[in-house]
Amino acid sequence: MYRQKLCLGLSSTFGLDTFEQLEAFKAVGFDAFFSGFENRENVLALADAAAQKGLIYQSVHAPFHKTRVLWRDGEEGEAAVKELTDCVNAVADAGVKIVVSHVFIGFDQPDKPNEIGLERLSRVVEKAEQKGVKIAFENTEGEEFLSAVMERFKHSANVGFCWDSGHEQCYNYGKDMIALYGDRLLCTHINDNLGISDFGGRIFWTDDLHLLPFDGIIDWKEAAARLNRAGYDDILTFELNRTSKPDRHDNDKYVNMSPIMYLTEVYARACRFAALKSALK
């Protein structure tokens, strides 16, 4: 898109294998992509494919299923550190600049931020600093963990923030997370949802729908304005799901579209948001 690079995350929900997705992303107009982390070999293979296709490998999303045990004493927490460190090393070897990481996973848990977890993450951050990789910590459930991490590493040039627009609505109760961390914004995960479905306000992962922008309740004009106020002019990255969460049907309409038509619509929505952001400058 004119004067704005657009990025989309690879997804097993798109109905195409990984390398078919890269072909399709390029064909419909995207400039960049991000991936999850399987292993070093996979990241290097994706980096080679990106170079061949003229795509930017924007970031790698670190594994997050062990992030709860980061904050607990024991060997599992040390395994989580190794997993994150392996990711940083692979990303550096592939020439990718950003690792996106969660700081916690879980709901209705008694865990609290503590020195155990912060010390473990300090080792991961130290490795990132050595390797020239930036870590963008993402807003998810467990806001207090993100707050503790951003405070601990506020002086590190290699630590910043990844804003997930959908998480903000369903995990952060609509709180303006850009206002909190916009001065350290490294990247985005742009997606829509329908907010918190439980009347009493209980948050749960099935509210994290990753709908196309403009298909949910987010005020996209205000979202664009907030990014502008933060001075964010880098790649706009979108993270979307084509299929619905268990016992929900919110994304079902996308499955009725062919993969290429769905991705074409994704690109159109991305351009719509980018144009809105540009118009508000």
Foldseek 3Di string as FASTA:
>chain_A
DPLAAAEEEDDPQLPDDDLVVVVLCVVLPHQEYEYECDALVVLLVVLVSCVVSRHHHAEYEFDAPLLACCQPDDDSVVVSLVSLLRRLVSCLVSVHAEYEYENHDDFPDPDAHDPSNLVSVVVSLVSCVVSNHAYAYEDAAPVRRVVVNCVVCVPPLRYAHEYEPLRCQARVVVDDVCVVGLLRYDAYAYFAFAGHPDPVNGGDPQRSARHQPPLYDDPLLVVLVSNVVSVDRHHHYYYHHQAHDPPDCSNVVSVVDRSSVSSSVSVVSVVVSVVSSVVND
